């Protein structure tokens, strides 16, 4: 066999391998059916599967130690790209991506500066600003609440944006805030979420926004039980309790995973209102709660944020919520 024939054969083999490479998804704590962040990623992977007719690999971690193991196993099986869902995947991807330099990796909600890693981050503060406005506009008491999951800068970004939006709509609004915990267990504790929401209702809040993964399910149930309003997060959760879900701050993790599975692009991808990465959810389940007047005000603010007329402070830029 000639050298040129050998080269051509090798190139064909590489092309064939690339054509048959399948993406892999490693979910964060809380499971892929958390009705929130992980589930949005799962929907993106499922959409990719339906559009291509190809399978993908996925894994739900049960403890911290499994992250790196799962990444390495997926890469070892030839998965490309390997997509890690959640900021906690960053250190594992940073390490494993160096061990497999010819494969592509993707991390959602964190930045890993490696030549074969795409980092996808969202401007959660922009979407949270909009639902903060909606909370203040819907509130009859002038008091609204926020329940976060794990107390980390990312969740403080949600909180900060929410507070800004609420005070933009009503300068006198009072905002109560609480975090569920300081470990990954904070993402999957609906009982604790319900307790925190009830405490805020007891102080007069009548709308509560949960940015807490699966823990938020408890917040939404508590709102329904108390006849109050709740705001969902990441996925559109309006359907969970029609009539008491004011809206959801959607974070298009599904689109990010779908796009990355098709083609990952190393570097940082930042998705905000302008890019369609975040928004508020409006559908048949909450349209009566929102109403035309509220929608008009919120959409005007959305346009001003996109145009740069309203600047929403980013907690993660300064580790403070000064605005």
C-alpha atoms as a PDB file:
ATOM      1  CA  UNK A   1       0.000   0.000   0.000  1.00  0.00           C
ATOM      2  CA  UNK A   2       1.391   3.426  -0.967  1.00  0.00           C
ATOM      3  CA  UNK A   3       1.962   6.195   1.532  1.00  0.00           C
ATOM      4  CA  UNK A   4      -0.812   8.260  -0.064  1.00  0.00           C
ATOM      5  CA  UNK A   5      -3.200   5.304   0.195  1.00  0.00           C
ATOM      6  CA  UNK A   6      -2.271   4.872   3.881  1.00  0.00           C
ATOM      7  CA  UNK A   7      -2.921   8.542   4.559  1.00  0.00           C
ATOM      8  CA  UNK A   8      -6.245   8.429   2.728  1.00  0.00           C
ATOM      9  CA  UNK A   9      -7.291   5.326   4.667  1.00  0.00           C
ATOM     10  CA  UNK A  10      -6.347   6.949   7.973  1.00  0.00           C
ATOM     11  CA  UNK A  11      -8.309  10.098   7.111  1.00  0.00           C
ATOM     12  CA  UNK A  12     -11.352   8.022   6.189  1.00  0.00           C
ATOM     13  CA  UNK A  13     -11.089   6.174   9.501  1.00  0.00           C
ATOM     14  CA  UNK A  14     -10.927   9.447  11.384  1.00  0.00           C
ATOM     15  CA  UNK A  15     -13.907  10.827   9.480  1.00  0.00           C
ATOM     16  CA  UNK A  16     -15.866   7.666  10.184  1.00  0.00           C
ATOM     17  CA  UNK A  17     -15.009   7.841  13.894  1.00  0.00           C
ATOM     18  CA  UNK A  18     -16.086  11.482  14.031  1.00  0.00           C
ATOM     19  CA  UNK A  19     -19.348  10.671  12.258  1.00  0.00           C
ATOM     20  CA  UNK A  20     -20.101   7.978  14.787  1.00  0.00           C
ATOM     21  CA  UNK A  21     -18.928   9.911  17.846  1.00  0.00           C
ATOM     22  CA  UNK A  22     -21.741  10.409  20.300  1.00  0.00           C
ATOM     23  CA  UNK A  23     -22.057  13.131  22.897  1.00  0.00           C
ATOM     24  CA  UNK A  24     -22.170  12.336  26.593  1.00  0.00           C
ATOM     25  CA  UNK A  25     -24.006  14.232  29.322  1.00  0.00           C
ATOM     26  CA  UNK A  26     -22.919  14.130  32.966  1.00  0.00           C
ATOM     27  CA  UNK A  27     -25.697  15.629  35.087  1.00  0.00           C
ATOM     28  CA  UNK A  28     -25.163  17.511  38.314  1.00  0.00           C
ATOM     29  CA  UNK A  29     -26.513  16.483  41.718  1.00  0.00           C
ATOM     30  CA  UNK A  30     -30.291  16.264  41.865  1.00  0.00           C
ATOM     31  CA  UNK A  31     -30.804  13.902  38.925  1.00  0.00           C
ATOM     32  CA  UNK A  32     -31.830  14.484  35.337  1.00  0.00           C
ATOM     33  CA  UNK A  33     -35.530  14.612  36.216  1.00  0.00           C
ATOM     34  CA  UNK A  34     -35.267  17.453  38.759  1.00  0.00           C
ATOM     35  CA  UNK A  35     -37.918  19.422  36.808  1.00  0.00           C
ATOM     36  CA  UNK A  36     -35.363  22.228  36.579  1.00  0.00           C
ATOM     37  CA  UNK A  37     -31.706  22.627  35.567  1.00  0.00           C
ATOM     38  CA  UNK A  38     -30.678  19.032  34.836  1.00  0.00           C
ATOM     39  CA  UNK A  39     -33.974  18.267  33.145  1.00  0.00           C
ATOM     40  CA  UNK A  40     -33.466  21.175  30.768  1.00  0.00           C
ATOM     41  CA  UNK A  41     -30.137  19.633  29.752  1.00  0.00           C
ATOM     42  CA  UNK A  42     -31.836  16.259  29.279  1.00  0.00           C
ATOM     43  CA  UNK A  43     -34.434  17.826  26.992  1.00  0.00           C
ATOM     44  CA  UNK A  44     -31.678  19.307  24.864  1.00  0.00           C
ATOM     45  CA  UNK A  45     -29.996  15.926  24.572  1.00  0.00           C
ATOM     46  CA  UNK A  46     -33.296  14.266  23.685  1.00  0.00           C
ATOM     47  CA  UNK A  47     -33.922  16.866  20.987  1.00  0.00           C
ATOM     48  CA  UNK A  48     -30.477  16.165  19.558  1.00  0.00           C
ATOM     49  CA  UNK A  49     -31.267  12.434  19.565  1.00  0.00           C
ATOM     50  CA  UNK A  50     -34.555  12.978  17.739  1.00  0.00           C
ATOM     51  CA  UNK A  51     -33.059  15.325  15.158  1.00  0.00           C
ATOM     52  CA  UNK A  52     -30.064  13.116  14.351  1.00  0.00           C
ATOM     53  CA  UNK A  53     -31.447   9.650  15.024  1.00  0.00           C
ATOM     54  CA  UNK A  54     -28.284   8.924  17.015  1.00  0.00           C
ATOM     55  CA  UNK A  55     -27.928   7.835  20.643  1.00  0.00           C
ATOM     56  CA  UNK A  56     -26.064   9.678  23.368  1.00  0.00           C
ATOM     57  CA  UNK A  57     -24.510   8.628  26.655  1.00  0.00           C
ATOM     58  CA  UNK A  58     -25.511  10.064  29.996  1.00  0.00           C
ATOM     59  CA  UNK A  59     -24.831   9.587  33.685  1.00  0.00           C
ATOM     60  CA  UNK A  60     -26.447  10.835  36.896  1.00  0.00           C
ATOM     61  CA  UNK A  61     -23.942  11.296  39.696  1.00  0.00           C
ATOM     62  CA  UNK A  62     -24.920  10.225  43.197  1.00  0.00           C
ATOM     63  CA  UNK A  63     -21.934  11.723  45.025  1.00  0.00           C
ATOM     64  CA  UNK A  64     -19.081  14.175  44.517  1.00  0.00           C
ATOM     65  CA  UNK A  65     -16.455  11.539  43.731  1.00  0.00           C
ATOM     66  CA  UNK A  66     -18.348  10.293  40.688  1.00  0.00           C
ATOM     67  CA  UNK A  67     -17.933  13.475  38.651  1.00  0.00           C
ATOM     68  CA  UNK A  68     -14.358  12.905  37.570  1.00  0.00           C
ATOM     69  CA  UNK A  69     -14.888   9.148  37.224  1.00  0.00           C
ATOM     70  CA  UNK A  70     -17.863   9.697  34.933  1.00  0.00           C
ATOM     71  CA  UNK A  71     -16.023  12.251  32.780  1.00  0.00           C
ATOM     72  CA  UNK A  72     -13.053   9.962  32.342  1.00  0.00           C
ATOM     73  CA  UNK A  73     -15.228   6.953  31.555  1.00  0.00           C
ATOM     74  CA  UNK A  74     -17.222   8.858  28.944  1.00  0.00           C
ATOM     75  CA  UNK A  75     -14.080  10.223  27.315  1.00  0.00           C
ATOM     76  CA  UNK A  76     -12.511   6.769  27.412  1.00  0.00           C
ATOM     77  CA  UNK A  77     -15.498   5.405  25.510  1.00  0.00           C
ATOM     78  CA  UNK A  78     -14.845   7.957  22.783  1.00  0.00           C
ATOM     79  CA  UNK A  79     -17.731  10.293  23.561  1.00  0.00           C
ATOM     80  CA  UNK A  80     -17.395  13.643  21.810  1.00  0.00           C
ATOM     81  CA  UNK A  81     -18.196  16.112  23.182  1.00  0.00           C
ATOM     82  CA  UNK A  82     -18.415  15.284  26.877  1.00  0.00           C
ATOM     83  CA  UNK A  83     -20.828  17.781  28.427  1.00  0.00           C
ATOM     84  CA  UNK A  84     -20.758  18.529  32.153  1.00  0.00           C
ATOM     85  CA  UNK A  85     -23.891  20.134  33.577  1.00  0.00           C
ATOM     86  CA  UNK A  86     -23.269  22.569  36.425  1.00  0.00           C
ATOM     87  CA  UNK A  87     -20.445  24.668  37.861  1.00  0.00           C
ATOM     88  CA  UNK A  88     -19.315  21.787  40.072  1.00  0.00           C
ATOM     89  CA  UNK A  89     -18.119  19.906  36.978  1.00  0.00           C
ATOM     90  CA  UNK A  90     -15.441  22.504  36.223  1.00  0.00           C
ATOM     91  CA  UNK A  91     -12.509  20.974  38.122  1.00  0.00           C
ATOM     92  CA  UNK A  92     -13.205  17.505  36.699  1.00  0.00           C
ATOM     93  CA  UNK A  93     -13.417  18.817  33.142  1.00  0.00           C
ATOM     94  CA  UNK A  94     -10.243  20.857  33.604  1.00  0.00           C
ATOM     95  CA  UNK A  95      -8.374  17.706  34.615  1.00  0.00           C
ATOM     96  CA  UNK A  96      -9.902  15.142  32.245  1.00  0.00           C
ATOM     97  CA  UNK A  97      -9.781  17.440  29.190  1.00  0.00           C
ATOM     98  CA  UNK A  98      -5.990  17.497  29.526  1.00  0.00           C
ATOM     99  CA  UNK A  99      -5.907  13.701  29.558  1.00  0.00           C
ATOM    100  CA  UNK A 100      -7.934  13.577  26.323  1.00  0.00           C
ATOM    101  CA  UNK A 101      -6.637  16.582  24.336  1.00  0.00           C
ATOM    102  CA  UNK A 102      -8.096  15.391  21.021  1.00  0.00           C
ATOM    103  CA  UNK A 103     -11.654  15.285  22.361  1.00  0.00           C
ATOM    104  CA  UNK A 104     -14.017  18.153  23.004  1.00  0.00           C
ATOM    105  CA  UNK A 105     -15.537  18.978  26.385  1.00  0.00           C
ATOM    106  CA  UNK A 106     -18.296  21.388  27.384  1.00  0.00           C
ATOM    107  CA  UNK A 107     -19.066  22.840  30.804  1.00  0.00           C
ATOM    108  CA  UNK A 108     -22.354  24.614  31.551  1.00  0.00           C
ATOM    109  CA  UNK A 109     -22.357  27.364  34.205  1.00  0.00           C
ATOM    110  CA  UNK A 110     -18.582  27.621  34.626  1.00  0.00           C
ATOM    111  CA  UNK A 111     -15.465  28.710  32.741  1.00  0.00           C
ATOM    112  CA  UNK A 112     -12.589  26.311  32.065  1.00  0.00           C
ATOM    113  CA  UNK A 113      -9.790  27.857  30.042  1.00  0.00           C
ATOM    114  CA  UNK A 114      -8.529  24.889  28.036  1.00  0.00           C
ATOM    115  CA  UNK A 115      -8.134  24.675  24.234  1.00  0.00           C
ATOM    116  CA  UNK A 116     -10.594  21.785  23.895  1.00  0.00           C
ATOM    117  CA  UNK A 117     -13.282  23.090  26.278  1.00  0.00           C
ATOM    118  CA  UNK A 118     -16.356  25.180  25.519  1.00  0.00           C
ATOM    119  CA  UNK A 119     -17.631  27.103  28.544  1.00  0.00           C
ATOM    120  CA  UNK A 120     -21.308  28.073  28.390  1.00  0.00           C
ATOM    121  CA  UNK A 121     -22.487  30.667  30.902  1.00  0.00           C
ATOM    122  CA  UNK A 122     -25.744  32.565  31.243  1.00  0.00           C
ATOM    123  CA  UNK A 123     -26.650  36.092  32.272  1.00  0.00           C
ATOM    124  CA  UNK A 124     -29.058  34.916  34.966  1.00  0.00           C
ATOM    125  CA  UNK A 125     -29.244  38.395  36.465  1.00  0.00           C
ATOM    126  CA  UNK A 126     -30.979  39.701  33.336  1.00  0.00           C
ATOM    127  CA  UNK A 127     -33.750  37.097  33.377  1.00  0.00           C
ATOM    128  CA  UNK A 128     -34.075  37.389  37.151  1.00  0.00           C
ATOM    129  CA  UNK A 129     -34.550  41.140  36.792  1.00  0.00           C
ATOM    130  CA  UNK A 130     -37.653  40.514  34.679  1.00  0.00           C
ATOM    131  CA  UNK A 131     -39.246  38.034  37.089  1.00  0.00           C
ATOM    132  CA  UNK A 132     -38.371  40.356  39.972  1.00  0.00           C
ATOM    133  CA  UNK A 133     -40.396  43.035  38.241  1.00  0.00           C
ATOM    134  CA  UNK A 134     -43.271  40.597  37.834  1.00  0.00           C
ATOM    135  CA  UNK A 135     -43.120  39.609  41.498  1.00  0.00           C
ATOM    136  CA  UNK A 136     -43.337  43.229  42.648  1.00  0.00           C
ATOM    137  CA  UNK A 137     -46.095  44.067  40.183  1.00  0.00           C
ATOM    138  CA  UNK A 138     -48.154  41.032  41.241  1.00  0.00           C
ATOM    139  CA  UNK A 139     -47.603  41.501  44.993  1.00  0.00           C
ATOM    140  CA  UNK A 140     -50.477  42.902  47.016  1.00  0.00           C
ATOM    141  CA  UNK A 141     -48.416  43.235  50.205  1.00  0.00           C
ATOM    142  CA  UNK A 142     -45.336  44.915  48.779  1.00  0.00           C
ATOM    143  CA  UNK A 143     -43.264  42.008  50.113  1.00  0.00           C
ATOM    144  CA  UNK A 144     -41.676  39.294  47.973  1.00  0.00           C
ATOM    145  CA  UNK A 145     -39.280  36.433  48.648  1.00  0.00           C
ATOM    146  CA  UNK A 146     -36.333  34.545  47.198  1.00  0.00           C
ATOM    147  CA  UNK A 147     -35.236  31.007  48.072  1.00  0.00           C
ATOM    148  CA  UNK A 148     -31.847  29.956  46.729  1.00  0.00           C
ATOM    149  CA  UNK A 149     -30.319  26.498  46.634  1.00  0.00           C
ATOM    150  CA  UNK A 150     -26.620  26.167  47.457  1.00  0.00           C
ATOM    151  CA  UNK A 151     -25.172  29.457  48.686  1.00  0.00           C
ATOM    152  CA  UNK A 152     -22.729  30.213  45.882  1.00  0.00           C
ATOM    153  CA  UNK A 153     -22.000  33.331  43.788  1.00  0.00           C
ATOM    154  CA  UNK A 154     -24.046  31.949  40.881  1.00  0.00           C
ATOM    155  CA  UNK A 155     -27.223  31.818  42.983  1.00  0.00           C
ATOM    156  CA  UNK A 156     -26.430  35.220  44.475  1.00  0.00           C
ATOM    157  CA  UNK A 157     -26.475  36.436  40.860  1.00  0.00           C
ATOM    158  CA  UNK A 158     -30.102  35.268  40.560  1.00  0.00           C
ATOM    159  CA  UNK A 159     -30.946  36.927  43.871  1.00  0.00           C
ATOM    160  CA  UNK A 160     -29.285  40.209  42.975  1.00  0.00           C
ATOM    161  CA  UNK A 161     -31.011  40.445  39.601  1.00  0.00           C
ATOM    162  CA  UNK A 162     -34.355  39.614  41.216  1.00  0.00           C
ATOM    163  CA  UNK A 163     -33.957  42.329  43.844  1.00  0.00           C
ATOM    164  CA  UNK A 164     -33.059  44.903  41.194  1.00  0.00           C
ATOM    165  CA  UNK A 165     -36.100  44.057  39.087  1.00  0.00           C
ATOM    166  CA  UNK A 166     -38.437  44.120  42.073  1.00  0.00           C
ATOM    167  CA  UNK A 167     -37.189  47.549  43.163  1.00  0.00           C
ATOM    168  CA  UNK A 168     -37.292  48.849  39.605  1.00  0.00           C
ATOM    169  CA  UNK A 169     -41.018  48.040  39.535  1.00  0.00           C
ATOM    170  CA  UNK A 170     -41.677  49.212  43.115  1.00  0.00           C
ATOM    171  CA  UNK A 171     -39.005  51.227  44.904  1.00  0.00           C
ATOM    172  CA  UNK A 172     -40.626  50.483  48.272  1.00  0.00           C
ATOM    173  CA  UNK A 173     -40.847  46.696  47.876  1.00  0.00           C
ATOM    174  CA  UNK A 174     -39.343  44.533  50.627  1.00  0.00           C
ATOM    175  CA  UNK A 175     -37.385  41.449  49.522  1.00  0.00           C
ATOM    176  CA  UNK A 176     -36.772  38.489  51.864  1.00  0.00           C
ATOM    177  CA  UNK A 177     -33.985  36.085  50.931  1.00  0.00           C
ATOM    178  CA  UNK A 178     -32.832  32.696  52.191  1.00  0.00           C
ATOM    179  CA  UNK A 179     -30.429  30.018  50.992  1.00  0.00           C
ATOM    180  CA  UNK A 180     -31.130  26.305  51.480  1.00  0.00           C
ATOM    181  CA  UNK A 181     -27.598  25.228  52.388  1.00  0.00           C
ATOM    182  CA  UNK A 182     -23.891  25.235  51.620  1.00  0.00           C
ATOM    183  CA  UNK A 183     -23.484  21.738  50.134  1.00  0.00           C
ATOM    184  CA  UNK A 184     -24.803  20.123  46.914  1.00  0.00           C
ATOM    185  CA  UNK A 185     -27.603  18.550  48.993  1.00  0.00           C
ATOM    186  CA  UNK A 186     -29.217  22.013  48.857  1.00  0.00           C
ATOM    187  CA  UNK A 187     -30.352  21.268  45.299  1.00  0.00           C
ATOM    188  CA  UNK A 188     -32.578  18.348  46.289  1.00  0.00           C
ATOM    189  CA  UNK A 189     -34.301  19.241  49.565  1.00  0.00           C
ATOM    190  CA  UNK A 190     -37.917  20.162  48.758  1.00  0.00           C
ATOM    191  CA  UNK A 191     -38.956  19.828  52.412  1.00  0.00           C
ATOM    192  CA  UNK A 192     -36.469  22.522  53.419  1.00  0.00           C
ATOM    193  CA  UNK A 193     -37.532  24.644  50.447  1.00  0.00           C
ATOM    194  CA  UNK A 194     -41.114  24.476  51.638  1.00  0.00           C
ATOM    195  CA  UNK A 195     -40.105  25.519  55.158  1.00  0.00           C
ATOM    196  CA  UNK A 196     -38.171  28.527  53.893  1.00  0.00           C
ATOM    197  CA  UNK A 197     -41.059  29.625  51.693  1.00  0.00           C
ATOM    198  CA  UNK A 198     -43.552  29.299  54.573  1.00  0.00           C
ATOM    199  CA  UNK A 199     -41.298  31.460  56.757  1.00  0.00           C
ATOM    200  CA  UNK A 200     -41.323  34.184  54.113  1.00  0.00           C
ATOM    201  CA  UNK A 201     -45.090  33.933  53.688  1.00  0.00           C
ATOM    202  CA  UNK A 202     -45.414  34.324  57.474  1.00  0.00           C
ATOM    203  CA  UNK A 203     -43.512  37.626  57.189  1.00  0.00           C
ATOM    204  CA  UNK A 204     -45.944  38.913  54.589  1.00  0.00           C
ATOM    205  CA  UNK A 205     -44.430  37.845  51.272  1.00  0.00           C
ATOM    206  CA  UNK A 206     -47.019  36.785  48.722  1.00  0.00           C
ATOM    207  CA  UNK A 207     -44.685  35.927  45.810  1.00  0.00           C
ATOM    208  CA  UNK A 208     -41.535  33.775  46.130  1.00  0.00           C
ATOM    209  CA  UNK A 209     -38.905  33.028  43.473  1.00  0.00           C
ATOM    210  CA  UNK A 210     -36.985  29.757  43.903  1.00  0.00           C
ATOM    211  CA  UNK A 211     -33.578  29.301  42.265  1.00  0.00           C
ATOM    212  CA  UNK A 212     -32.837  25.999  43.916  1.00  0.00           C
ATOM    213  CA  UNK A 213     -33.111  23.080  41.494  1.00  0.00           C
ATOM    214  CA  UNK A 214     -35.258  20.253  42.850  1.00  0.00           C
ATOM    215  CA  UNK A 215     -35.621  22.064  46.177  1.00  0.00           C
ATOM    216  CA  UNK A 216     -37.853  24.535  44.388  1.00  0.00           C
ATOM    217  CA  UNK A 217     -40.579  21.881  44.076  1.00  0.00           C
ATOM    218  CA  UNK A 218     -41.197  22.309  47.804  1.00  0.00           C
ATOM    219  CA  UNK A 219     -41.397  26.086  47.435  1.00  0.00           C
ATOM    220  CA  UNK A 220     -44.010  25.791  44.686  1.00  0.00           C
ATOM    221  CA  UNK A 221     -46.081  23.345  46.735  1.00  0.00           C
ATOM    222  CA  UNK A 222     -45.948  25.642  49.761  1.00  0.00           C
ATOM    223  CA  UNK A 223     -47.157  28.537  47.605  1.00  0.00           C
ATOM    224  CA  UNK A 224     -50.044  26.486  46.292  1.00  0.00           C
ATOM    225  CA  UNK A 225     -51.006  25.361  49.798  1.00  0.00           C
ATOM    226  CA  UNK A 226     -50.914  28.948  51.096  1.00  0.00           C
ATOM    227  CA  UNK A 227     -52.706  30.461  48.127  1.00  0.00           C
ATOM    228  CA  UNK A 228     -49.622  32.535  47.285  1.00  0.00           C
ATOM    229  CA  UNK A 229     -47.605  32.889  44.083  1.00  0.00           C
ATOM    230  CA  UNK A 230     -44.317  31.239  43.134  1.00  0.00           C
ATOM    231  CA  UNK A 231     -41.800  31.727  40.322  1.00  0.00           C
ATOM    232  CA  UNK A 232     -40.009  28.764  38.772  1.00  0.00           C
ATOM    233  CA  UNK A 233     -36.477  28.567  37.428  1.00  0.00           C
ATOM    234  CA  UNK A 234     -34.349  27.143  34.600  1.00  0.00           C
ATOM    235  CA  UNK A 235     -37.117  25.063  32.972  1.00  0.00           C
ATOM    236  CA  UNK A 236     -40.608  26.393  32.331  1.00  0.00           C
ATOM    237  CA  UNK A 237     -42.328  25.145  35.492  1.00  0.00           C
ATOM    238  CA  UNK A 238     -45.610  26.997  35.017  1.00  0.00           C
ATOM    239  CA  UNK A 239     -47.478  23.735  34.477  1.00  0.00           C
ATOM    240  CA  UNK A 240     -46.600  22.334  37.904  1.00  0.00           C
ATOM    241  CA  UNK A 241     -49.261  24.353  39.731  1.00  0.00           C
ATOM    242  CA  UNK A 242     -51.378  26.345  37.281  1.00  0.00           C
ATOM    243  CA  UNK A 243     -52.919  29.319  39.009  1.00  0.00           C
ATOM    244  CA  UNK A 244     -50.160  29.847  41.567  1.00  0.00           C
ATOM    245  CA  UNK A 245     -47.073  29.800  39.299  1.00  0.00           C
ATOM    246  CA  UNK A 246     -46.708  33.446  38.270  1.00  0.00           C
ATOM    247  CA  UNK A 247     -43.973  32.631  35.748  1.00  0.00           C
ATOM    248  CA  UNK A 248     -40.592  30.890  35.409  1.00  0.00           C
ATOM    249  CA  UNK A 249     -37.177  32.395  34.764  1.00  0.00           C
ATOM    250  CA  UNK A 250     -36.184  30.115  31.913  1.00  0.00           C
ATOM    251  CA  UNK A 251     -32.547  29.417  31.259  1.00  0.00           C
ATOM    252  CA  UNK A 252     -32.139  27.748  27.891  1.00  0.00           C
ATOM    253  CA  UNK A 253     -29.801  24.993  28.969  1.00  0.00           C
ATOM    254  CA  UNK A 254     -31.694  22.780  26.522  1.00  0.00           C
ATOM    255  CA  UNK A 255     -30.625  24.929  23.574  1.00  0.00           C
ATOM    256  CA  UNK A 256     -27.062  25.134  24.874  1.00  0.00           C
ATOM    257  CA  UNK A 257     -26.781  21.338  25.125  1.00  0.00           C
ATOM    258  CA  UNK A 258     -28.441  20.810  21.731  1.00  0.00           C
ATOM    259  CA  UNK A 259     -26.071  23.259  20.029  1.00  0.00           C
ATOM    260  CA  UNK A 260     -22.988  21.909  21.793  1.00  0.00           C
ATOM    261  CA  UNK A 261     -23.897  18.321  20.909  1.00  0.00           C
ATOM    262  CA  UNK A 262     -24.081  19.349  17.262  1.00  0.00           C
ATOM    263  CA  UNK A 263     -20.856  21.326  17.363  1.00  0.00           C
ATOM    264  CA  UNK A 264     -18.868  22.462  20.362  1.00  0.00           C
ATOM    265  CA  UNK A 265     -16.821  25.622  19.930  1.00  0.00           C
ATOM    266  CA  UNK A 266     -13.919  26.046  22.393  1.00  0.00           C
ATOM    267  CA  UNK A 267     -13.981  29.311  24.311  1.00  0.00           C
ATOM    268  CA  UNK A 268     -16.598  31.137  26.362  1.00  0.00           C
ATOM    269  CA  UNK A 269     -20.209  31.453  25.184  1.00  0.00           C
ATOM    270  CA  UNK A 270     -22.306  33.913  27.233  1.00  0.00           C
ATOM    271  CA  UNK A 271     -26.081  33.818  26.773  1.00  0.00           C
ATOM    272  CA  UNK A 272     -28.374  36.591  28.015  1.00  0.00           C
ATOM    273  CA  UNK A 273     -31.642  38.208  26.940  1.00  0.00           C
ATOM    274  CA  UNK A 274     -30.158  39.416  23.666  1.00  0.00           C
ATOM    275  CA  UNK A 275     -28.984  35.916  22.757  1.00  0.00           C
ATOM    276  CA  UNK A 276     -32.224  34.250  23.859  1.00  0.00           C
ATOM    277  CA  UNK A 277     -30.388  32.471  26.661  1.00  0.00           C
ATOM    278  CA  UNK A 278     -32.707  33.658  29.466  1.00  0.00           C
ATOM    279  CA  UNK A 279     -36.270  34.976  29.582  1.00  0.00           C
ATOM    280  CA  UNK A 280     -39.544  34.778  31.465  1.00  0.00           C
ATOM    281  CA  UNK A 281     -42.094  32.109  30.546  1.00  0.00           C
ATOM    282  CA  UNK A 282     -45.567  32.961  29.328  1.00  0.00           C
ATOM    283  CA  UNK A 283     -48.044  30.255  28.341  1.00  0.00           C
ATOM    284  CA  UNK A 284     -51.610  29.065  28.844  1.00  0.00           C
ATOM    285  CA  UNK A 285     -50.861  28.214  32.479  1.00  0.00           C
ATOM    286  CA  UNK A 286     -49.987  31.729  33.615  1.00  0.00           C
ATOM    287  CA  UNK A 287     -51.283  34.187  31.022  1.00  0.00           C
ATOM    288  CA  UNK A 288     -54.233  35.196  33.232  1.00  0.00           C
ATOM    289  CA  UNK A 289     -51.896  35.876  36.162  1.00  0.00           C
ATOM    290  CA  UNK A 290     -49.592  38.023  34.037  1.00  0.00           C
ATOM    291  CA  UNK A 291     -52.081  40.110  32.085  1.00  0.00           C
ATOM    292  CA  UNK A 292     -51.479  42.648  29.331  1.00  0.00           C
ATOM    293  CA  UNK A 293     -50.370  45.546  31.547  1.00  0.00           C
ATOM    294  CA  UNK A 294     -47.696  43.563  33.388  1.00  0.00           C
ATOM    295  CA  UNK A 295     -46.451  42.047  30.160  1.00  0.00           C
ATOM    296  CA  UNK A 296     -46.191  45.499  28.555  1.00  0.00           C
ATOM    297  CA  UNK A 297     -44.039  46.831  31.413  1.00  0.00           C
ATOM    298  CA  UNK A 298     -41.802  43.767  31.556  1.00  0.00           C
ATOM    299  CA  UNK A 299     -41.311  43.612  27.793  1.00  0.00           C
ATOM    300  CA  UNK A 300     -40.373  47.307  27.765  1.00  0.00           C
ATOM    301  CA  UNK A 301     -37.706  46.645  30.409  1.00  0.00           C
ATOM    302  CA  UNK A 302     -36.507  43.605  28.473  1.00  0.00           C
ATOM    303  CA  UNK A 303     -36.041  45.744  25.353  1.00  0.00           C
ATOM    304  CA  UNK A 304     -34.179  48.380  27.370  1.00  0.00           C
ATOM    305  CA  UNK A 305     -31.832  45.776  28.865  1.00  0.00           C
ATOM    306  CA  UNK A 306     -31.069  44.413  25.397  1.00  0.00           C
ATOM    307  CA  UNK A 307     -30.500  47.955  24.118  1.00  0.00           C
ATOM    308  CA  UNK A 308     -28.224  48.763  27.047  1.00  0.00           C
ATOM    309  CA  UNK A 309     -30.530  51.438  28.460  1.00  0.00           C
ATOM    310  CA  UNK A 310     -30.996  49.454  31.676  1.00  0.00           C
ATOM    311  CA  UNK A 311     -27.818  48.084  33.213  1.00  0.00           C
ATOM    312  CA  UNK A 312     -28.410  45.083  35.488  1.00  0.00           C
ATOM    313  CA  UNK A 313     -25.642  44.675  38.068  1.00  0.00           C
ATOM    314  CA  UNK A 314     -23.952  41.280  37.976  1.00  0.00           C
ATOM    315  CA  UNK A 315     -23.138  39.900  41.434  1.00  0.00           C
ATOM    316  CA  UNK A 316     -20.409  37.677  39.995  1.00  0.00           C
ATOM    317  CA  UNK A 317     -18.586  40.667  38.537  1.00  0.00           C
ATOM    318  CA  UNK A 318     -17.974  42.217  41.953  1.00  0.00           C
ATOM    319  CA  UNK A 319     -19.147  39.690  44.592  1.00  0.00           C
ATOM    320  CA  UNK A 320     -21.619  42.294  45.773  1.00  0.00           C
ATOM    321  CA  UNK A 321     -25.110  43.420  44.860  1.00  0.00           C
ATOM    322  CA  UNK A 322     -24.558  47.141  44.498  1.00  0.00           C
ATOM    323  CA  UNK A 323     -26.890  48.848  42.058  1.00  0.00           C
END
